[in-house]
PDB file of all heavy atoms in Angstrom:
ATOM      1  N   GLU A   1    -116.877  80.631  87.507  1.00  0.00           N
ATOM      2  CA  GLU A   1    -115.499  80.173  87.347  1.00  0.00           C
ATOM      3  C   GLU A   1    -114.599  80.697  88.470  1.00  0.00           C
ATOM      4  O   GLU A   1    -113.682  80.005  88.928  1.00  0.00           O
ATOM      5  CB  GLU A   1    -114.955  80.611  85.989  1.00  0.00           C
ATOM      6  CG  GLU A   1    -115.632  79.945  84.801  1.00  0.00           C
ATOM      7  CD  GLU A   1    -116.883  80.692  84.330  1.00  0.00           C
ATOM      8  OE1 GLU A   1    -117.366  81.590  85.060  1.00  0.00           O
ATOM      9  OE2 GLU A   1    -117.361  80.394  83.225  1.00  0.00           O
ATOM     10  N   THR A   2    -114.862  81.919  88.918  1.00  0.00           N
ATOM     11  CA  THR A   2    -114.115  82.473  90.051  1.00  0.00           C
ATOM     12  C   THR A   2    -114.346  81.633  91.295  1.00  0.00           C
ATOM     13  O   THR A   2    -113.403  81.286  92.019  1.00  0.00           O
ATOM     14  CB  THR A   2    -114.524  83.935  90.298  1.00  0.00           C
ATOM     15  OG1 THR A   2    -113.985  84.756  89.254  1.00  0.00           O
ATOM     16  CG2 THR A   2    -114.017  84.442  91.637  1.00  0.00           C
ATOM     17  N   HIS A   3    -115.595  81.300  91.569  1.00  0.00           N
ATOM     18  CA  HIS A   3    -115.904  80.467  92.721  1.00  0.00           C
ATOM     19  C   HIS A   3    -115.228  79.101  92.625  1.00  0.00           C
ATOM     20  O   HIS A   3    -114.757  78.558  93.633  1.00  0.00           O
ATOM     21  CB  HIS A   3    -117.419  80.301  92.858  1.00  0.00           C
ATOM     22  CG  HIS A   3    -118.096  81.481  93.487  1.00  0.00           C
ATOM     23  ND1 HIS A   3    -118.180  81.643  94.848  1.00  0.00           N
ATOM     24  CD2 HIS A   3    -118.702  82.572  92.934  1.00  0.00           C
ATOM     25  CE1 HIS A   3    -118.822  82.771  95.124  1.00  0.00           C
ATOM     26  NE2 HIS A   3    -119.148  83.353  93.976  1.00  0.00           N
ATOM     27  N   GLN A   4    -115.143  78.556  91.416  1.00  0.00           N
ATOM     28  CA  GLN A   4    -114.512  77.251  91.239  1.00  0.00           C
ATOM     29  C   GLN A   4    -113.024  77.310  91.571  1.00  0.00           C
ATOM     30  O   GLN A   4    -112.485  76.419  92.238  1.00  0.00           O
ATOM     31  CB  GLN A   4    -114.704  76.753  89.803  1.00  0.00           C
ATOM     32  CG  GLN A   4    -114.019  75.429  89.486  1.00  0.00           C
ATOM     33  CD  GLN A   4    -114.477  74.290  90.388  1.00  0.00           C
ATOM     34  OE1 GLN A   4    -115.630  74.248  90.823  1.00  0.00           O
ATOM     35  NE2 GLN A   4    -113.569  73.362  90.689  1.00  0.00           N
ATOM     36  N   VAL A   5    -112.345  78.350  91.128  1.00  0.00           N
ATOM     37  CA  VAL A   5    -110.922  78.501  91.445  1.00  0.00           C
ATOM     38  C   VAL A   5    -110.721  78.607  92.959  1.00  0.00           C
ATOM     39  O   VAL A   5    -109.804  77.991  93.521  1.00  0.00           O
ATOM     40  CB  VAL A   5    -110.329  79.739  90.739  1.00  0.00           C
ATOM     41  CG1 VAL A   5    -108.913  80.025  91.245  1.00  0.00           C
ATOM     42  CG2 VAL A   5    -110.309  79.543  89.230  1.00  0.00           C
ATOM     43  N   LEU A   6    -111.578  79.357  93.624  1.00  0.00           N
ATOM     44  CA  LEU A   6    -111.456  79.513  95.081  1.00  0.00           C
ATOM     45  C   LEU A   6    -111.713  78.194  95.807  1.00  0.00           C
ATOM     46  O   LEU A   6    -111.067  77.895  96.814  1.00  0.00           O
ATOM     47  CB  LEU A   6    -112.408  80.591  95.574  1.00  0.00           C
ATOM     48  CG  LEU A   6    -112.017  82.022  95.202  1.00  0.00           C
ATOM     49  CD1 LEU A   6    -113.117  83.002  95.593  1.00  0.00           C
ATOM     50  CD2 LEU A   6    -110.704  82.410  95.853  1.00  0.00           C
ATOM     51  N   ARG A   7    -112.647  77.399  95.288  1.00  0.00           N
ATOM     52  CA  ARG A   7    -112.880  76.087  95.905  1.00  0.00           C
ATOM     53  C   ARG A   7    -111.649  75.194  95.757  1.00  0.00           C
ATOM     54  O   ARG A   7    -111.279  74.461  96.686  1.00  0.00           O
ATOM     55  CB  ARG A   7    -114.114  75.429  95.276  1.00  0.00           C
ATOM     56  CG  ARG A   7    -115.430  76.026  95.756  1.00  0.00           C
ATOM     57  CD  ARG A   7    -116.608  75.164  95.355  1.00  0.00           C
ATOM     58  NE  ARG A   7    -116.837  75.175  93.926  1.00  0.00           N
ATOM     59  CZ  ARG A   7    -117.610  76.055  93.291  1.00  0.00           C
ATOM     60  NH1 ARG A   7    -118.225  77.011  93.967  1.00  0.00           N
ATOM     61  NH2 ARG A   7    -117.792  75.988  91.986  1.00  0.00           N
ATOM     62  N   GLU A   8    -111.000  75.258  94.596  1.00  0.00           N
ATOM     63  CA  GLU A   8    -109.792  74.462  94.386  1.00  0.00           C
ATOM     64  C   GLU A   8    -108.670  74.919  95.312  1.00  0.00           C
ATOM     65  O   GLU A   8    -107.954  74.096  95.898  1.00  0.00           O
ATOM     66  CB  GLU A   8    -109.349  74.566  92.925  1.00  0.00           C
ATOM     67  CG  GLU A   8    -110.296  73.886  91.945  1.00  0.00           C
ATOM     68  CD  GLU A   8    -109.841  74.052  90.502  1.00  0.00           C
ATOM     69  OE1 GLU A   8    -108.614  73.996  90.270  1.00  0.00           O
ATOM     70  OE2 GLU A   8    -110.700  74.264  89.628  1.00  0.00           O
ATOM     71  N   LEU A   9    -108.512  76.232  95.454  1.00  0.00           N
ATOM     72  CA  LEU A   9    -107.488  76.766  96.350  1.00  0.00           C
ATOM     73  C   LEU A   9    -107.768  76.347  97.796  1.00  0.00           C
ATOM     74  O   LEU A   9    -106.855  75.902  98.512  1.00  0.00           O
ATOM     75  CB  LEU A   9    -107.434  78.282  96.255  1.00  0.00           C
ATOM     76  CG  LEU A   9    -106.515  78.961  97.273  1.00  0.00           C
ATOM     77  CD1 LEU A   9    -105.049  78.663  96.973  1.00  0.00           C
ATOM     78  CD2 LEU A   9    -106.758  80.468  97.317  1.00  0.00           C
ATOM     79  N   SER A  10    -109.018  76.477  98.225  1.00  0.00           N
ATOM     80  CA  SER A  10    -109.373  76.122  99.597  1.00  0.00           C
ATOM     81  C   SER A  10    -109.078  74.654  99.873  1.00  0.00           C
ATOM     82  O   SER A  10    -108.546  74.300 100.933  1.00  0.00           O
ATOM     83  CB  SER A  10    -110.851  76.422  99.852  1.00  0.00           C
ATOM     84  OG  SER A  10    -111.120  77.807  99.753  1.00  0.00           O
ATOM     85  N   ALA A  11    -109.420  73.803  98.928  1.00  0.00           N
ATOM     86  CA  ALA A  11    -109.166  72.372  99.100  1.00  0.00           C
ATOM     87  C   ALA A  11    -107.673  72.082  99.177  1.00  0.00           C
ATOM     88  O   ALA A  11    -107.225  71.246  99.980  1.00  0.00           O
ATOM     89  CB  ALA A  11    -109.799  71.586  97.951  1.00  0.00           C
ATOM     90  N   GLU A  12    -106.894  72.774  98.370  1.00  0.00           N
ATOM     91  CA  GLU A  12    -105.443  72.560  98.371  1.00  0.00           C
ATOM     92  C   GLU A  12    -104.821  73.019  99.689  1.00  0.00           C
ATOM     93  O   GLU A  12    -103.950  72.351 100.249  1.00  0.00           O
ATOM     94  CB  GLU A  12    -104.818  73.301  97.182  1.00  0.00           C
ATOM     95  CG  GLU A  12    -103.377  72.925  96.889  1.00  0.00           C
ATOM     96  CD  GLU A  12    -103.238  71.537  96.279  1.00  0.00           C
ATOM     97  OE1 GLU A  12    -104.233  70.792  96.178  1.00  0.00           O
ATOM     98  OE2 GLU A  12    -102.119  71.179  95.910  1.00  0.00           O
ATOM     99  N   VAL A  13    -105.267  74.166 100.190  1.00  0.00           N
ATOM    100  CA  VAL A  13    -104.744  74.667 101.464  1.00  0.00           C
ATOM    101  C   VAL A  13    -105.096  73.709 102.594  1.00  0.00           C
ATOM    102  O   VAL A  13    -104.258  73.386 103.443  1.00  0.00           O
ATOM    103  CB  VAL A  13    -105.288  76.084 101.748  1.00  0.00           C
ATOM    104  CG1 VAL A  13    -105.029  76.495 103.196  1.00  0.00           C
ATOM    105  CG2 VAL A  13    -104.648  77.086 100.793  1.00  0.00           C
ATOM    106  N   ARG A  14    -106.326  73.212 102.617  1.00  0.00           N
ATOM    107  CA  ARG A  14    -106.730  72.261 103.662  1.00  0.00           C
ATOM    108  C   ARG A  14    -105.914  70.972 103.579  1.00  0.00           C
ATOM    109  O   ARG A  14    -105.577  70.366 104.596  1.00  0.00           O
ATOM    110  CB  ARG A  14    -108.224  71.947 103.549  1.00  0.00           C
ATOM    111  CG  ARG A  14    -109.129  73.026 104.135  1.00  0.00           C
ATOM    112  CD  ARG A  14    -110.544  72.516 104.269  1.00  0.00           C
ATOM    113  NE  ARG A  14    -111.152  72.273 102.979  1.00  0.00           N
ATOM    114  CZ  ARG A  14    -111.859  73.171 102.298  1.00  0.00           C
ATOM    115  NH1 ARG A  14    -112.032  74.375 102.789  1.00  0.00           N
ATOM    116  NH2 ARG A  14    -112.395  72.868 101.137  1.00  0.00           N
ATOM    117  N   ARG A  15    -105.607  70.558 102.354  1.00  0.00           N
ATOM    118  CA  ARG A  15    -104.842  69.324 102.179  1.00  0.00           C
ATOM    119  C   ARG A  15    -103.428  69.480 102.729  1.00  0.00           C
ATOM    120  O   ARG A  15    -102.897  68.585 103.402  1.00  0.00           O
ATOM    121  CB  ARG A  15    -104.782  68.944 100.700  1.00  0.00           C
ATOM    122  CG  ARG A  15    -104.089  67.620 100.406  1.00  0.00           C
ATOM    123  CD  ARG A  15    -103.983  67.352  98.918  1.00  0.00           C
ATOM    124  NE  ARG A  15    -103.077  68.292  98.256  1.00  0.00           N
ATOM    125  CZ  ARG A  15    -101.739  68.175  98.272  1.00  0.00           C
ATOM    126  NH1 ARG A  15    -101.157  67.186  98.932  1.00  0.00           N
ATOM    127  NH2 ARG A  15    -100.989  69.067  97.636  1.00  0.00           N
ATOM    128  N   VAL A  16    -102.796  70.626 102.450  1.00  0.00           N
ATOM    129  CA  VAL A  16    -101.406  70.840 102.847  1.00  0.00           C
ATOM    130  C   VAL A  16    -101.287  71.191 104.323  1.00  0.00           C
ATOM    131  O   VAL A  16    -100.385  70.719 105.020  1.00  0.00           O
ATOM    132  CB  VAL A  16    -100.773  71.954 101.980  1.00  0.00           C
ATOM    133  CG1 VAL A  16     -99.362  72.284 102.453  1.00  0.00           C
ATOM    134  CG2 VAL A  16    -100.754  71.532 100.517  1.00  0.00           C
ATOM    135  N   LYS A  17    -102.208  72.043 104.817  1.00  0.00           N
ATOM    136  CA  LYS A  17    -102.128  72.511 106.205  1.00  0.00           C
ATOM    137  C   LYS A  17    -103.545  72.714 106.713  1.00  0.00           C
ATOM    138  O   LYS A  17    -104.098  73.812 106.625  1.00  0.00           O
ATOM    139  CB  LYS A  17    -101.324  73.808 106.283  1.00  0.00           C
ATOM    140  CG  LYS A  17    -100.852  74.177 107.677  1.00  0.00           C
ATOM    141  CD  LYS A  17     -99.824  75.305 107.605  1.00  0.00           C
ATOM    142  CE  LYS A  17     -99.149  75.505 108.949  1.00  0.00           C
ATOM    143  NZ  LYS A  17     -98.065  76.519 108.872  1.00  0.00           N
ATOM    144  N   PRO A  18    -104.160  71.673 107.265  1.00  0.00           N
ATOM    145  CA  PRO A  18    -105.579  71.736 107.626  1.00  0.00           C
ATOM    146  C   PRO A  18    -105.936  72.871 108.573  1.00  0.00           C
ATOM    147  O   PRO A  18    -107.057  73.382 108.532  1.00  0.00           O
ATOM    148  CB  PRO A  18    -105.836  70.369 108.272  1.00  0.00           C
ATOM    149  CG  PRO A  18    -104.801  69.472 107.691  1.00  0.00           C
ATOM    150  CD  PRO A  18    -103.591  70.336 107.494  1.00  0.00           C
ATOM    151  N   GLU A  19    -104.992  73.298 109.444  1.00  0.00           N
ATOM    152  CA  GLU A  19    -105.318  74.342 110.408  1.00  0.00           C
ATOM    153  C   GLU A  19    -105.121  75.751 109.845  1.00  0.00           C
ATOM    154  O   GLU A  19    -105.397  76.745 110.532  1.00  0.00           O
ATOM    155  CB  GLU A  19    -104.443  74.175 111.665  1.00  0.00           C
ATOM    156  CG  GLU A  19    -102.978  74.518 111.493  1.00  0.00           C
ATOM    157  CD  GLU A  19    -102.133  73.376 110.939  1.00  0.00           C
ATOM    158  OE1 GLU A  19    -102.715  72.440 110.355  1.00  0.00           O
ATOM    159  OE2 GLU A  19    -100.896  73.429 111.090  1.00  0.00           O
ATOM    160  N   ALA A  20    -104.636  75.879 108.616  1.00  0.00           N
ATOM    161  CA  ALA A  20    -104.431  77.205 108.019  1.00  0.00           C
ATOM    162  C   ALA A  20    -105.779  77.880 107.758  1.00  0.00           C
ATOM    163  O   ALA A  20    -106.803  77.224 107.595  1.00  0.00           O
ATOM    164  CB  ALA A  20    -103.657  77.072 106.712  1.00  0.00           C
ATOM    165  N   ILE A  21    -105.754  79.208 107.745  1.00  0.00           N
ATOM    166  CA  ILE A  21    -106.981  79.954 107.488  1.00  0.00           C
ATOM    167  C   ILE A  21    -106.873  80.735 106.184  1.00  0.00           C
ATOM    168  O   ILE A  21    -105.785  81.111 105.738  1.00  0.00           O
ATOM    169  CB  ILE A  21    -107.332  80.907 108.655  1.00  0.00           C
ATOM    170  CG1 ILE A  21    -106.235  81.946 108.871  1.00  0.00           C
ATOM    171  CG2 ILE A  21    -107.586  80.128 109.926  1.00  0.00           C
ATOM    172  CD1 ILE A  21    -106.622  83.004 109.893  1.00  0.00           C
ATOM    173  N   LEU A  22    -108.028  80.964 105.564  1.00  0.00           N
ATOM    174  CA  LEU A  22    -108.138  81.761 104.348  1.00  0.00           C
ATOM    175  C   LEU A  22    -109.191  82.826 104.572  1.00  0.00           C
ATOM    176  O   LEU A  22    -110.321  82.521 104.961  1.00  0.00           O
ATOM    177  CB  LEU A  22    -108.552  80.890 103.162  1.00  0.00           C
ATOM    178  CG  LEU A  22    -107.549  79.883 102.622  1.00  0.00           C
ATOM    179  CD1 LEU A  22    -108.207  79.021 101.551  1.00  0.00           C
ATOM    180  CD2 LEU A  22    -106.337  80.595 102.038  1.00  0.00           C
ATOM    181  N   ILE A  23    -108.848  84.083 104.343  1.00  0.00           N
ATOM    182  CA  ILE A  23    -109.782  85.198 104.451  1.00  0.00           C
ATOM    183  C   ILE A  23    -109.772  85.948 103.129  1.00  0.00           C
ATOM    184  O   ILE A  23    -108.724  86.412 102.690  1.00  0.00           O
ATOM    185  CB  ILE A  23    -109.404  86.170 105.583  1.00  0.00           C
ATOM    186  CG1 ILE A  23    -109.127  85.428 106.884  1.00  0.00           C
ATOM    187  CG2 ILE A  23    -110.501  87.191 105.786  1.00  0.00           C
ATOM    188  CD1 ILE A  23    -107.659  85.240 107.155  1.00  0.00           C
ATOM    189  N   ALA A  24    -110.934  86.051 102.500  1.00  0.00           N
ATOM    190  CA  ALA A  24    -111.000  86.659 101.177  1.00  0.00           C
ATOM    191  C   ALA A  24    -111.505  88.097 101.241  1.00  0.00           C
ATOM    192  O   ALA A  24    -112.345  88.438 102.065  1.00  0.00           O
ATOM    193  CB  ALA A  24    -111.907  85.837 100.265  1.00  0.00           C
ATOM    194  N   GLU A  25    -110.982  88.909 100.328  1.00  0.00           N
ATOM    195  CA  GLU A  25    -111.434  90.289 100.163  1.00  0.00           C
ATOM    196  C   GLU A  25    -112.425  90.330  98.998  1.00  0.00           C
ATOM    197  O   GLU A  25    -112.028  90.298  97.834  1.00  0.00           O
ATOM    198  CB  GLU A  25    -110.245  91.218  99.874  1.00  0.00           C
ATOM    199  CG  GLU A  25    -110.656  92.654  99.640  1.00  0.00           C
ATOM    200  CD  GLU A  25    -109.640  93.458  98.854  1.00  0.00           C
ATOM    201  OE1 GLU A  25    -108.922  92.876  98.005  1.00  0.00           O
ATOM    202  OE2 GLU A  25    -109.582  94.676  99.054  1.00  0.00           O
ATOM    203  N   ASN A  26    -113.710  90.382  99.344  1.00  0.00           N
ATOM    204  CA  ASN A  26    -114.753  90.474  98.328  1.00  0.00           C
ATOM    205  C   ASN A  26    -115.660  91.652  98.689  1.00  0.00           C
ATOM    206  O   ASN A  26    -116.472  91.558  99.600  1.00  0.00           O
ATOM    207  CB  ASN A  26    -115.565  89.176  98.270  1.00  0.00           C
ATOM    208  CG  ASN A  26    -114.711  87.995  97.844  1.00  0.00           C
ATOM    209  OD1 ASN A  26    -114.067  88.031  96.806  1.00  0.00           O
ATOM    210  ND2 ASN A  26    -114.685  86.956  98.651  1.00  0.00           N
ATOM    211  N   THR A  27    -115.496  92.747  97.977  1.00  0.00           N
ATOM    212  CA  THR A  27    -116.206  93.977  98.315  1.00  0.00           C
ATOM    213  C   THR A  27    -117.585  93.980  97.653  1.00  0.00           C
ATOM    214  O   THR A  27    -117.820  94.655  96.649  1.00  0.00           O
ATOM    215  CB  THR A  27    -115.397  95.199  97.864  1.00  0.00           C
ATOM    216  OG1 THR A  27    -115.015  95.018  96.480  1.00  0.00           O
ATOM    217  CG2 THR A  27    -114.139  95.345  98.687  1.00  0.00           C
ATOM    218  N   VAL A  28    -118.504  93.218  98.257  1.00  0.00           N
ATOM    219  CA  VAL A  28    -119.856  93.082  97.715  1.00  0.00           C
ATOM    220  C   VAL A  28    -120.870  93.242  98.834  1.00  0.00           C
ATOM    221  O   VAL A  28    -120.524  93.277 100.014  1.00  0.00           O
ATOM    222  CB  VAL A  28    -120.051  91.709  97.033  1.00  0.00           C
ATOM    223  CG1 VAL A  28    -119.268  91.618  95.752  1.00  0.00           C
ATOM    224  CG2 VAL A  28    -119.658  90.577  97.969  1.00  0.00           C
ATOM    225  N   GLY A  29    -122.144  93.310  98.448  1.00  0.00           N
ATOM    226  CA  GLY A  29    -123.217  93.370  99.418  1.00  0.00           C
ATOM    227  C   GLY A  29    -123.360  92.058 100.169  1.00  0.00           C
ATOM    228  O   GLY A  29    -122.777  91.031  99.797  1.00  0.00           O
ATOM    229  N   THR A  30    -124.170  92.079 101.206  1.00  0.00           N
ATOM    230  CA  THR A  30    -124.254  90.946 102.123  1.00  0.00           C
ATOM    231  C   THR A  30    -124.694  89.662 101.428  1.00  0.00           C
ATOM    232  O   THR A  30    -124.118  88.588 101.651  1.00  0.00           O
ATOM    233  CB  THR A  30    -125.217  91.277 103.276  1.00  0.00           C
ATOM    234  OG1 THR A  30    -124.749  92.452 103.941  1.00  0.00           O
ATOM    235  CG2 THR A  30    -125.294  90.133 104.266  1.00  0.00           C
ATOM    236  N   GLU A  31    -125.729  89.712 100.598  1.00  0.00           N
ATOM    237  CA  GLU A  31    -126.241  88.490  99.976  1.00  0.00           C
ATOM    238  C   GLU A  31    -125.213  87.867  99.047  1.00  0.00           C
ATOM    239  O   GLU A  31    -125.028  86.646  99.046  1.00  0.00           O
ATOM    240  CB  GLU A  31    -127.543  88.785  99.234  1.00  0.00           C
ATOM    241  CG  GLU A  31    -128.711  89.102 100.160  1.00  0.00           C
ATOM    242  CD  GLU A  31    -130.026  89.201  99.414  1.00  0.00           C
ATOM    243  OE1 GLU A  31    -130.042  88.882  98.201  1.00  0.00           O
ATOM    244  OE2 GLU A  31    -131.027  89.590 100.033  1.00  0.00           O
ATOM    245  N   ALA A  32    -124.524  88.686  98.250  1.00  0.00           N
ATOM    246  CA  ALA A  32    -123.490  88.152  97.360  1.00  0.00           C
ATOM    247  C   ALA A  32    -122.297  87.649  98.161  1.00  0.00           C
ATOM    248  O   ALA A  32    -121.684  86.634  97.817  1.00  0.00           O
ATOM    249  CB  ALA A  32    -123.048  89.227  96.370  1.00  0.00           C
ATOM    250  N   LEU A  33    -121.982  88.349  99.255  1.00  0.00           N
ATOM    251  CA  LEU A  33    -120.865  87.934 100.092  1.00  0.00           C
ATOM    252  C   LEU A  33    -121.141  86.574 100.728  1.00  0.00           C
ATOM    253  O   LEU A  33    -120.243  85.730 100.850  1.00  0.00           O
ATOM    254  CB  LEU A  33    -120.614  88.986 101.168  1.00  0.00           C
ATOM    255  CG  LEU A  33    -119.361  88.852 102.023  1.00  0.00           C
ATOM    256  CD1 LEU A  33    -118.106  88.840 101.163  1.00  0.00           C
ATOM    257  CD2 LEU A  33    -119.291  89.990 103.035  1.00  0.00           C
ATOM    258  N   ALA A  34    -122.375  86.350 101.123  1.00  0.00           N
ATOM    259  CA  ALA A  34    -122.739  85.085 101.759  1.00  0.00           C
ATOM    260  C   ALA A  34    -122.444  83.894 100.845  1.00  0.00           C
ATOM    261  O   ALA A  34    -122.082  82.805 101.313  1.00  0.00           O
ATOM    262  CB  ALA A  34    -124.216  85.100 102.146  1.00  0.00           C
ATOM    263  N   LYS A  35    -122.578  84.084  99.526  1.00  0.00           N
ATOM    264  CA  LYS A  35    -122.350  82.992  98.582  1.00  0.00           C
ATOM    265  C   LYS A  35    -120.885  82.564  98.544  1.00  0.00           C
ATOM    266  O   LYS A  35    -120.569  81.425  98.162  1.00  0.00           O
ATOM    267  CB  LYS A  35    -122.821  83.401  97.192  1.00  0.00           C
ATOM    268  CG  LYS A  35    -124.325  83.644  97.117  1.00  0.00           C
ATOM    269  CD  LYS A  35    -124.742  84.135  95.736  1.00  0.00           C
ATOM    270  CE  LYS A  35    -126.242  84.406  95.690  1.00  0.00           C
ATOM    271  NZ  LYS A  35    -126.683  84.946  94.379  1.00  0.00           N
ATOM    272  N   TYR A  36    -119.980  83.472  98.932  1.00  0.00           N
ATOM    273  CA  TYR A  36    -118.562  83.131  98.896  1.00  0.00           C
ATOM    274  C   TYR A  36    -118.184  82.114  99.968  1.00  0.00           C
ATOM    275  O   TYR A  36    -117.119  81.493  99.893  1.00  0.00           O
ATOM    276  CB  TYR A  36    -117.702  84.395  99.024  1.00  0.00           C
ATOM    277  CG  TYR A  36    -117.444  85.038  97.682  1.00  0.00           C
ATOM    278  CD1 TYR A  36    -118.266  86.053  97.202  1.00  0.00           C
ATOM    279  CD2 TYR A  36    -116.396  84.604  96.869  1.00  0.00           C
ATOM    280  CE1 TYR A  36    -118.042  86.631  95.963  1.00  0.00           C
ATOM    281  CE2 TYR A  36    -116.164  85.170  95.627  1.00  0.00           C
ATOM    282  CZ  TYR A  36    -116.993  86.184  95.176  1.00  0.00           C
ATOM    283  OH  TYR A  36    -116.769  86.744  93.941  1.00  0.00           O
ATOM    284  N   TYR A  37    -119.045  81.929 100.980  1.00  0.00           N
ATOM    285  CA  TYR A  37    -118.729  80.947 102.009  1.00  0.00           C
ATOM    286  C   TYR A  37    -118.777  79.518 101.480  1.00  0.00           C
ATOM    287  O   TYR A  37    -118.254  78.598 102.124  1.00  0.00           O
ATOM    288  CB  TYR A  37    -119.661  81.117 103.206  1.00  0.00           C
ATOM    289  CG  TYR A  37    -119.188  82.203 104.132  1.00  0.00           C
ATOM    290  CD1 TYR A  37    -119.727  83.480 104.079  1.00  0.00           C
ATOM    291  CD2 TYR A  37    -118.165  81.964 105.045  1.00  0.00           C
ATOM    292  CE1 TYR A  37    -119.272  84.487 104.921  1.00  0.00           C
ATOM    293  CE2 TYR A  37    -117.708  82.960 105.890  1.00  0.00           C
ATOM    294  CZ  TYR A  37    -118.265  84.215 105.831  1.00  0.00           C
ATOM    295  OH  TYR A  37    -117.799  85.212 106.658  1.00  0.00           O
ATOM    296  N   ALA A  38    -119.356  79.297 100.323  1.00  0.00           N
ATOM    297  CA  ALA A  38    -119.311  77.974  99.699  1.00  0.00           C
ATOM    298  C   ALA A  38    -117.972  77.725  99.014  1.00  0.00           C
ATOM    299  O   ALA A  38    -117.664  76.591  98.631  1.00  0.00           O
ATOM    300  CB  ALA A  38    -120.438  77.832  98.684  1.00  0.00           C
ATOM    301  N   SER A  39    -117.157  78.802  98.883  1.00  0.00           N
ATOM    302  CA  SER A  39    -115.905  78.697  98.141  1.00  0.00           C
ATOM    303  C   SER A  39    -114.668  78.944  98.989  1.00  0.00           C
ATOM    304  O   SER A  39    -113.598  78.405  98.702  1.00  0.00           O
ATOM    305  CB  SER A  39    -115.915  79.707  96.977  1.00  0.00           C
ATOM    306  OG  SER A  39    -117.082  79.553  96.193  1.00  0.00           O
ATOM    307  N   VAL A  40    -114.794  79.787 100.018  1.00  0.00           N
ATOM    308  CA  VAL A  40    -113.660  80.128 100.873  1.00  0.00           C
ATOM    309  C   VAL A  40    -114.189  80.291 102.302  1.00  0.00           C
ATOM    310  O   VAL A  40    -115.303  80.793 102.492  1.00  0.00           O
ATOM    311  CB  VAL A  40    -112.954  81.406 100.351  1.00  0.00           C
ATOM    312  CG1 VAL A  40    -113.846  82.617 100.457  1.00  0.00           C
ATOM    313  CG2 VAL A  40    -111.637  81.650 101.057  1.00  0.00           C
TER     314      VAL A  40
END
């Protein structure tokens, strides 16, 4: 559900300002962190 919210936020930001950037703070190990690239 957390990943779903981030996907919705990312889509909304791209819609409003395509050149804007999003950088997330996720304090996890490398493998879990890699999964966040599908969401942000």
